[in-house]
């Protein structure tokens, strides 16, 4: 029969270049080096299945309303925090009233036209989101800054339009709003 010869010479040594090597961090466990790689955060989002087209339309309408009024609530939260810092630094009641008046005028000049054009549903969402951003109901903020009588008057006017300034935001109850904000990448320091 025939003779078969295996490779007699050794293959050439493998030379690794700079693009052939991946540097990774290692951890030593019981004398063994274990490589590990940090992966970017992966968000797993479940696809929502709606029971009917009406439910889908309602969710889309809610999403539109939340995303429309959220910048106002965000600004209100930031401005309220700044006002609280300013009021804490000022002990004089007259200066505090001036600061509150300036804050109110600033908000009115910036957003009065837009806020007046909101729908009733958008107003309800705005009240909830202000509570989410500030950690206080709108009624409590008005009572604290403008007094109990003004708060009562604002609550009375709001109730005519179907709003409740004492309404609080609960992420468990308003899961749809929380999901919309989370999906859009908005976070709050209060929840």
C-alpha atoms as a PDB file:
ATOM      1  CA  UNK A   1       0.000   0.000   0.000  1.00  0.00           C
ATOM      2  CA  UNK A   2       1.002   3.584   0.034  1.00  0.00           C
ATOM      3  CA  UNK A   3       2.634   5.590   2.707  1.00  0.00           C
ATOM      4  CA  UNK A   4       0.995   8.695   4.056  1.00  0.00           C
ATOM      5  CA  UNK A   5       3.114  11.308   5.673  1.00  0.00           C
ATOM      6  CA  UNK A   6       1.697  13.849   8.078  1.00  0.00           C
ATOM      7  CA  UNK A   7       2.999  17.344   8.127  1.00  0.00           C
ATOM      8  CA  UNK A   8       6.518  17.133   9.179  1.00  0.00           C
ATOM      9  CA  UNK A   9       7.174  20.835   9.544  1.00  0.00           C
ATOM     10  CA  UNK A  10       5.410  22.968  12.081  1.00  0.00           C
ATOM     11  CA  UNK A  11       2.954  25.535  10.773  1.00  0.00           C
ATOM     12  CA  UNK A  12       4.061  29.133  10.798  1.00  0.00           C
ATOM     13  CA  UNK A  13       3.351  30.841  14.126  1.00  0.00           C
ATOM     14  CA  UNK A  14       0.199  32.919  14.135  1.00  0.00           C
ATOM     15  CA  UNK A  15       0.967  36.622  14.253  1.00  0.00           C
ATOM     16  CA  UNK A  16      -1.779  38.751  15.741  1.00  0.00           C
ATOM     17  CA  UNK A  17      -2.125  42.317  14.603  1.00  0.00           C
ATOM     18  CA  UNK A  18      -3.745  45.252  16.358  1.00  0.00           C
ATOM     19  CA  UNK A  19      -7.160  44.509  14.788  1.00  0.00           C
ATOM     20  CA  UNK A  20      -7.038  40.836  15.780  1.00  0.00           C
ATOM     21  CA  UNK A  21      -7.034  41.425  19.505  1.00  0.00           C
ATOM     22  CA  UNK A  22      -9.845  42.588  21.731  1.00  0.00           C
ATOM     23  CA  UNK A  23      -8.774  43.962  25.074  1.00  0.00           C
ATOM     24  CA  UNK A  24     -11.159  43.175  27.879  1.00  0.00           C
ATOM     25  CA  UNK A  25     -11.161  43.582  31.612  1.00  0.00           C
ATOM     26  CA  UNK A  26     -10.566  40.474  33.665  1.00  0.00           C
ATOM     27  CA  UNK A  27     -11.443  39.336  37.128  1.00  0.00           C
ATOM     28  CA  UNK A  28      -9.408  36.756  38.989  1.00  0.00           C
ATOM     29  CA  UNK A  29     -11.496  34.086  40.666  1.00  0.00           C
ATOM     30  CA  UNK A  30      -9.709  31.203  42.414  1.00  0.00           C
ATOM     31  CA  UNK A  31      -6.551  31.789  40.419  1.00  0.00           C
ATOM     32  CA  UNK A  32      -8.375  31.774  37.091  1.00  0.00           C
ATOM     33  CA  UNK A  33      -8.696  34.899  34.944  1.00  0.00           C
ATOM     34  CA  UNK A  34     -12.272  35.430  33.746  1.00  0.00           C
ATOM     35  CA  UNK A  35     -12.760  38.022  31.002  1.00  0.00           C
ATOM     36  CA  UNK A  36     -15.795  40.289  31.057  1.00  0.00           C
ATOM     37  CA  UNK A  37     -17.209  42.889  28.720  1.00  0.00           C
ATOM     38  CA  UNK A  38     -19.536  45.712  29.712  1.00  0.00           C
ATOM     39  CA  UNK A  39     -22.488  45.794  27.370  1.00  0.00           C
ATOM     40  CA  UNK A  40     -24.627  48.875  26.890  1.00  0.00           C
ATOM     41  CA  UNK A  41     -27.953  48.967  28.699  1.00  0.00           C
ATOM     42  CA  UNK A  42     -30.644  47.118  26.817  1.00  0.00           C
ATOM     43  CA  UNK A  43     -34.218  48.253  27.252  1.00  0.00           C
ATOM     44  CA  UNK A  44     -36.795  45.586  26.694  1.00  0.00           C
ATOM     45  CA  UNK A  45     -40.106  47.102  25.764  1.00  0.00           C
ATOM     46  CA  UNK A  46     -43.159  44.962  25.568  1.00  0.00           C
ATOM     47  CA  UNK A  47     -45.434  45.488  22.626  1.00  0.00           C
ATOM     48  CA  UNK A  48     -48.751  46.698  23.862  1.00  0.00           C
ATOM     49  CA  UNK A  49     -51.768  44.887  22.546  1.00  0.00           C
ATOM     50  CA  UNK A  50     -54.999  46.838  22.636  1.00  0.00           C
ATOM     51  CA  UNK A  51     -58.412  45.264  23.067  1.00  0.00           C
ATOM     52  CA  UNK A  52     -59.971  47.480  20.428  1.00  0.00           C
ATOM     53  CA  UNK A  53     -59.237  50.281  18.028  1.00  0.00           C
ATOM     54  CA  UNK A  54     -60.958  52.686  20.423  1.00  0.00           C
ATOM     55  CA  UNK A  55     -58.484  51.737  23.184  1.00  0.00           C
ATOM     56  CA  UNK A  56     -55.587  52.304  20.775  1.00  0.00           C
ATOM     57  CA  UNK A  57     -56.979  55.711  19.801  1.00  0.00           C
ATOM     58  CA  UNK A  58     -57.480  56.666  23.460  1.00  0.00           C
ATOM     59  CA  UNK A  59     -53.891  55.709  24.264  1.00  0.00           C
ATOM     60  CA  UNK A  60     -52.559  57.687  21.291  1.00  0.00           C
ATOM     61  CA  UNK A  61     -54.625  60.698  22.356  1.00  0.00           C
ATOM     62  CA  UNK A  62     -53.301  60.389  25.914  1.00  0.00           C
ATOM     63  CA  UNK A  63     -49.753  60.110  24.561  1.00  0.00           C
ATOM     64  CA  UNK A  64     -50.244  63.254  22.496  1.00  0.00           C
ATOM     65  CA  UNK A  65     -51.682  65.140  25.482  1.00  0.00           C
ATOM     66  CA  UNK A  66     -48.922  64.026  27.860  1.00  0.00           C
ATOM     67  CA  UNK A  67     -46.134  64.944  25.465  1.00  0.00           C
ATOM     68  CA  UNK A  68     -47.780  68.305  24.750  1.00  0.00           C
ATOM     69  CA  UNK A  69     -48.115  69.439  28.374  1.00  0.00           C
ATOM     70  CA  UNK A  70     -45.024  67.804  29.877  1.00  0.00           C
ATOM     71  CA  UNK A  71     -42.662  70.688  28.977  1.00  0.00           C
ATOM     72  CA  UNK A  72     -44.946  73.073  30.898  1.00  0.00           C
ATOM     73  CA  UNK A  73     -44.964  70.776  33.934  1.00  0.00           C
ATOM     74  CA  UNK A  74     -41.194  70.364  33.715  1.00  0.00           C
ATOM     75  CA  UNK A  75     -40.700  74.136  33.585  1.00  0.00           C
ATOM     76  CA  UNK A  76     -43.134  74.594  36.484  1.00  0.00           C
ATOM     77  CA  UNK A  77     -41.191  72.074  38.561  1.00  0.00           C
ATOM     78  CA  UNK A  78     -37.863  73.751  37.856  1.00  0.00           C
ATOM     79  CA  UNK A  79     -39.229  77.244  38.430  1.00  0.00           C
ATOM     80  CA  UNK A  80     -40.945  76.188  41.667  1.00  0.00           C
ATOM     81  CA  UNK A  81     -37.694  74.690  42.961  1.00  0.00           C
ATOM     82  CA  UNK A  82     -35.838  77.907  42.105  1.00  0.00           C
ATOM     83  CA  UNK A  83     -38.539  79.983  43.797  1.00  0.00           C
ATOM     84  CA  UNK A  84     -38.305  77.828  46.928  1.00  0.00           C
ATOM     85  CA  UNK A  85     -34.530  78.347  47.044  1.00  0.00           C
ATOM     86  CA  UNK A  86     -34.961  82.103  46.606  1.00  0.00           C
ATOM     87  CA  UNK A  87     -37.655  82.273  49.290  1.00  0.00           C
ATOM     88  CA  UNK A  88     -35.466  80.292  51.692  1.00  0.00           C
ATOM     89  CA  UNK A  89     -32.665  82.831  51.269  1.00  0.00           C
ATOM     90  CA  UNK A  90     -34.973  85.791  51.869  1.00  0.00           C
ATOM     91  CA  UNK A  91     -36.448  86.368  55.294  1.00  0.00           C
ATOM     92  CA  UNK A  92     -38.221  89.631  54.443  1.00  0.00           C
ATOM     93  CA  UNK A  93     -41.940  89.119  53.678  1.00  0.00           C
ATOM     94  CA  UNK A  94     -42.052  92.023  51.213  1.00  0.00           C
ATOM     95  CA  UNK A  95     -39.159  90.619  49.222  1.00  0.00           C
ATOM     96  CA  UNK A  96     -40.808  87.208  49.245  1.00  0.00           C
ATOM     97  CA  UNK A  97     -44.015  88.713  47.829  1.00  0.00           C
ATOM     98  CA  UNK A  98     -41.987  90.446  45.124  1.00  0.00           C
ATOM     99  CA  UNK A  99     -40.256  87.162  44.253  1.00  0.00           C
ATOM    100  CA  UNK A 100     -43.603  85.350  44.053  1.00  0.00           C
ATOM    101  CA  UNK A 101     -45.064  88.134  41.896  1.00  0.00           C
ATOM    102  CA  UNK A 102     -42.054  88.095  39.567  1.00  0.00           C
ATOM    103  CA  UNK A 103     -42.313  84.320  39.222  1.00  0.00           C
ATOM    104  CA  UNK A 104     -46.031  84.539  38.461  1.00  0.00           C
ATOM    105  CA  UNK A 105     -45.479  87.297  35.872  1.00  0.00           C
ATOM    106  CA  UNK A 106     -42.663  85.342  34.232  1.00  0.00           C
ATOM    107  CA  UNK A 107     -44.824  82.252  33.862  1.00  0.00           C
ATOM    108  CA  UNK A 108     -47.765  84.296  32.588  1.00  0.00           C
ATOM    109  CA  UNK A 109     -45.719  86.064  29.931  1.00  0.00           C
ATOM    110  CA  UNK A 110     -44.150  82.834  28.745  1.00  0.00           C
ATOM    111  CA  UNK A 111     -47.128  80.483  28.709  1.00  0.00           C
ATOM    112  CA  UNK A 112     -50.416  82.336  29.184  1.00  0.00           C
ATOM    113  CA  UNK A 113     -51.584  81.955  25.584  1.00  0.00           C
ATOM    114  CA  UNK A 114     -50.560  78.290  25.347  1.00  0.00           C
ATOM    115  CA  UNK A 115     -52.105  77.344  28.690  1.00  0.00           C
ATOM    116  CA  UNK A 116     -55.414  79.023  27.811  1.00  0.00           C
ATOM    117  CA  UNK A 117     -55.601  76.977  24.607  1.00  0.00           C
ATOM    118  CA  UNK A 118     -55.260  73.614  26.357  1.00  0.00           C
ATOM    119  CA  UNK A 119     -58.174  71.214  26.268  1.00  0.00           C
ATOM    120  CA  UNK A 120     -59.869  70.012  29.453  1.00  0.00           C
ATOM    121  CA  UNK A 121     -58.078  66.660  29.202  1.00  0.00           C
ATOM    122  CA  UNK A 122     -54.717  68.354  28.708  1.00  0.00           C
ATOM    123  CA  UNK A 123     -55.421  70.495  31.776  1.00  0.00           C
ATOM    124  CA  UNK A 124     -56.122  67.377  33.846  1.00  0.00           C
ATOM    125  CA  UNK A 125     -52.890  65.789  32.653  1.00  0.00           C
ATOM    126  CA  UNK A 126     -50.998  69.017  33.400  1.00  0.00           C
ATOM    127  CA  UNK A 127     -52.296  69.068  36.980  1.00  0.00           C
ATOM    128  CA  UNK A 128     -51.115  65.469  37.481  1.00  0.00           C
ATOM    129  CA  UNK A 129     -47.729  66.128  35.912  1.00  0.00           C
ATOM    130  CA  UNK A 130     -47.146  69.243  38.023  1.00  0.00           C
ATOM    131  CA  UNK A 131     -47.708  67.074  41.092  1.00  0.00           C
ATOM    132  CA  UNK A 132     -45.283  64.518  39.615  1.00  0.00           C
ATOM    133  CA  UNK A 133     -42.604  67.158  39.051  1.00  0.00           C
ATOM    134  CA  UNK A 134     -42.954  69.157  42.262  1.00  0.00           C
ATOM    135  CA  UNK A 135     -44.154  66.521  44.702  1.00  0.00           C
ATOM    136  CA  UNK A 136     -47.020  68.817  45.737  1.00  0.00           C
ATOM    137  CA  UNK A 137     -50.528  69.286  44.413  1.00  0.00           C
ATOM    138  CA  UNK A 138     -51.342  72.471  42.536  1.00  0.00           C
ATOM    139  CA  UNK A 139     -53.763  73.445  45.309  1.00  0.00           C
ATOM    140  CA  UNK A 140     -51.054  73.106  47.957  1.00  0.00           C
ATOM    141  CA  UNK A 141     -48.630  75.238  45.957  1.00  0.00           C
ATOM    142  CA  UNK A 142     -51.197  77.997  45.388  1.00  0.00           C
ATOM    143  CA  UNK A 143     -52.214  77.914  49.057  1.00  0.00           C
ATOM    144  CA  UNK A 144     -48.584  78.127  50.152  1.00  0.00           C
ATOM    145  CA  UNK A 145     -47.657  80.938  47.769  1.00  0.00           C
ATOM    146  CA  UNK A 146     -50.844  82.964  47.347  1.00  0.00           C
ATOM    147  CA  UNK A 147     -52.893  82.111  50.432  1.00  0.00           C
ATOM    148  CA  UNK A 148     -55.898  79.991  51.307  1.00  0.00           C
ATOM    149  CA  UNK A 149     -58.544  82.271  49.787  1.00  0.00           C
ATOM    150  CA  UNK A 150     -56.822  82.396  46.383  1.00  0.00           C
ATOM    151  CA  UNK A 151     -56.379  78.625  46.498  1.00  0.00           C
ATOM    152  CA  UNK A 152     -60.095  78.223  47.232  1.00  0.00           C
ATOM    153  CA  UNK A 153     -60.984  80.554  44.341  1.00  0.00           C
ATOM    154  CA  UNK A 154     -58.694  78.719  41.906  1.00  0.00           C
ATOM    155  CA  UNK A 155     -60.118  75.374  43.047  1.00  0.00           C
ATOM    156  CA  UNK A 156     -63.653  76.701  42.516  1.00  0.00           C
ATOM    157  CA  UNK A 157     -62.872  77.916  39.003  1.00  0.00           C
ATOM    158  CA  UNK A 158     -61.070  74.668  38.192  1.00  0.00           C
ATOM    159  CA  UNK A 159     -64.047  72.608  39.367  1.00  0.00           C
ATOM    160  CA  UNK A 160     -66.293  74.507  36.936  1.00  0.00           C
ATOM    161  CA  UNK A 161     -64.148  73.109  34.121  1.00  0.00           C
ATOM    162  CA  UNK A 162     -64.024  69.639  35.625  1.00  0.00           C
ATOM    163  CA  UNK A 163     -60.577  69.877  37.209  1.00  0.00           C
ATOM    164  CA  UNK A 164     -59.440  69.185  40.744  1.00  0.00           C
ATOM    165  CA  UNK A 165     -56.309  71.025  41.846  1.00  0.00           C
ATOM    166  CA  UNK A 166     -55.977  68.660  44.804  1.00  0.00           C
ATOM    167  CA  UNK A 167     -55.501  65.664  42.504  1.00  0.00           C
ATOM    168  CA  UNK A 168     -52.298  63.773  43.185  1.00  0.00           C
ATOM    169  CA  UNK A 169     -50.107  61.742  40.882  1.00  0.00           C
ATOM    170  CA  UNK A 170     -49.653  58.070  41.655  1.00  0.00           C
ATOM    171  CA  UNK A 171     -47.420  56.153  39.214  1.00  0.00           C
ATOM    172  CA  UNK A 172     -49.280  52.930  39.971  1.00  0.00           C
ATOM    173  CA  UNK A 173     -52.671  54.423  39.133  1.00  0.00           C
ATOM    174  CA  UNK A 174     -51.484  56.473  36.148  1.00  0.00           C
ATOM    175  CA  UNK A 175     -49.459  53.645  34.642  1.00  0.00           C
ATOM    176  CA  UNK A 176     -50.157  54.785  31.093  1.00  0.00           C
ATOM    177  CA  UNK A 177     -48.828  58.286  31.754  1.00  0.00           C
ATOM    178  CA  UNK A 178     -45.777  56.878  33.526  1.00  0.00           C
ATOM    179  CA  UNK A 179     -45.134  54.443  30.657  1.00  0.00           C
ATOM    180  CA  UNK A 180     -45.408  57.242  28.096  1.00  0.00           C
ATOM    181  CA  UNK A 181     -42.937  59.415  30.011  1.00  0.00           C
ATOM    182  CA  UNK A 182     -40.532  56.537  30.589  1.00  0.00           C
ATOM    183  CA  UNK A 183     -40.664  55.517  26.939  1.00  0.00           C
ATOM    184  CA  UNK A 184     -40.006  59.132  25.913  1.00  0.00           C
ATOM    185  CA  UNK A 185     -36.990  59.233  28.262  1.00  0.00           C
ATOM    186  CA  UNK A 186     -38.367  61.688  30.815  1.00  0.00           C
ATOM    187  CA  UNK A 187     -37.477  61.038  34.426  1.00  0.00           C
ATOM    188  CA  UNK A 188     -38.560  62.810  37.572  1.00  0.00           C
ATOM    189  CA  UNK A 189     -36.639  63.195  40.781  1.00  0.00           C
ATOM    190  CA  UNK A 190     -39.801  62.743  42.839  1.00  0.00           C
ATOM    191  CA  UNK A 191     -40.832  59.252  41.653  1.00  0.00           C
END
